[in-house]
Protein backbone atom coordinates (compact mmCIF):
# COMPACT_ATOMS: atom_id res chain seq x y z
CA MET A 1 167.12 325.52 100.95
CA ASP A 2 171.10 322.88 100.25
CA PRO A 3 170.04 321.07 97.66
CA VAL A 4 170.74 318.34 100.12
CA GLN A 5 167.66 319.41 102.03
CA ILE A 6 165.16 318.57 99.44
CA LEU A 7 163.94 315.20 100.14
CA ILE A 8 160.63 314.43 98.53
CA ARG A 9 157.36 311.34 98.88
CA VAL A 10 157.38 309.89 96.39
CA GLY A 11 155.10 306.66 96.05
CA ASP A 12 155.07 305.81 99.86
CA THR A 13 154.70 302.79 101.38
CA ASP A 14 155.25 300.88 98.00
CA PRO A 15 157.71 302.05 94.85
CA ASP A 16 155.38 301.19 91.75
CA ALA A 17 153.70 303.57 92.54
CA GLY A 18 156.13 305.88 92.29
CA GLY A 19 159.58 304.75 90.00
CA ASN A 20 162.84 304.91 90.20
CA GLU A 21 162.88 308.25 86.48
CA VAL A 22 159.32 309.87 88.23
CA ALA A 23 160.97 310.01 91.79
CA TYR A 24 164.73 312.11 89.39
CA GLN A 25 162.06 313.96 87.80
CA GLU A 26 160.72 314.79 91.15
CA TRP A 27 164.10 315.56 92.69
CA VAL A 28 164.99 318.43 89.73
CA TYR A 29 162.23 319.86 89.27
CA LEU A 30 161.76 320.55 93.24
CA ALA A 31 165.36 321.45 92.95
CA ARG A 32 165.04 324.25 90.30
CA GLU A 33 161.48 325.45 91.83
CA ALA A 34 163.93 326.06 94.60
CA GLY A 35 166.02 328.39 92.70
CA TRP A 36 168.95 326.29 91.30
CA ASP A 37 170.49 325.72 87.73
CA VAL A 38 170.00 321.35 88.39
CA VAL A 39 172.05 320.03 84.73
CA GLU A 40 171.28 317.36 83.61
CA ASN A 41 174.23 315.18 83.55
CA PRO A 42 173.90 312.68 82.36
CA GLY A 43 170.53 312.48 84.31
CA PHE A 44 168.52 309.09 84.45
CA GLN A 45 169.90 306.04 84.87
CA GLU A 46 168.09 303.19 86.20
CA PRO A 47 169.26 301.23 89.80
CA ARG A 48 171.63 298.35 89.69
CA ASP A 49 171.89 295.67 91.88
CA GLY A 50 169.43 297.02 94.59
CA GLY A 51 171.11 300.28 94.77
CA THR A 52 169.25 303.25 95.24
CA HIS A 53 171.10 305.93 92.59
CA VAL A 54 168.91 306.77 90.24
CA GLY A 55 170.81 309.51 88.47
CA LEU A 56 174.06 312.32 88.72
CA VAL A 57 172.53 316.02 88.51
CA GLU A 58 175.36 319.40 88.56
CA ILE A 59 174.47 322.50 90.48
CA GLU A 60 177.48 325.94 91.16
CA GLY A 61 179.69 322.98 90.53
CA LEU A 62 179.01 319.99 91.69
CA THR A 63 178.09 316.08 91.48
CA TYR A 64 174.83 315.39 93.13
CA ARG A 65 173.76 311.46 93.12
CA ILE A 66 170.46 311.27 92.65
CA HIS A 67 168.66 308.32 95.13
CA TYR A 68 165.45 306.63 95.25
CA GLY A 69 164.75 304.00 98.41
CA LEU A 70 163.39 303.43 101.71
CA ARG A 71 163.56 306.68 104.10
CA ALA A 72 163.03 306.56 107.64
CA ARG A 73 161.32 309.61 109.08
CA LEU A 74 159.80 310.73 112.31
CA ASP A 75 155.93 311.48 111.92
CA LEU A 76 156.49 314.26 114.98
CA SER A 77 152.18 313.74 115.25
CA ASP A 78 152.82 310.88 117.06
CA GLY A 79 156.60 310.04 117.78
CA GLU A 80 156.44 308.06 115.78
CA THR A 81 159.28 305.99 113.13
CA VAL A 82 157.85 305.74 109.91
CA LEU A 83 158.56 304.27 106.58
CA GLY A 84 158.16 305.18 102.82
CA TYR A 85 159.73 305.86 99.50
CA ALA A 86 161.58 309.26 98.65
CA ALA A 87 164.18 310.53 96.30
CA TRP A 88 167.09 313.10 97.91
CA ALA A 89 170.51 313.89 96.72
CA GLU A 90 173.79 312.90 98.08
CA PRO A 91 177.11 315.32 97.46
CA VAL A 92 179.87 312.60 94.74
CA GLN A 93 183.43 313.51 96.41
CA ARG A 94 186.43 313.80 94.21
């Protein structure tokens, strides 16, 4: 599984049930469980100005920005769009 495919539900529809640091740590944990050598560089960071960025990691020489916020997804059982809090990663272009 590519790191950008790791999407974790954290807090469901209530951001306080998960939280920024918990979301970051859960993403790092699952990436390592998937076999990636994750280097936290510099690690968890509180988001600024209402953003979703909660930290940076390096995997195989590539930098990824970890995010935590609302994500839309399709509920396959009924086809409805569901909004929920999740953690995900995006590569950083240099």
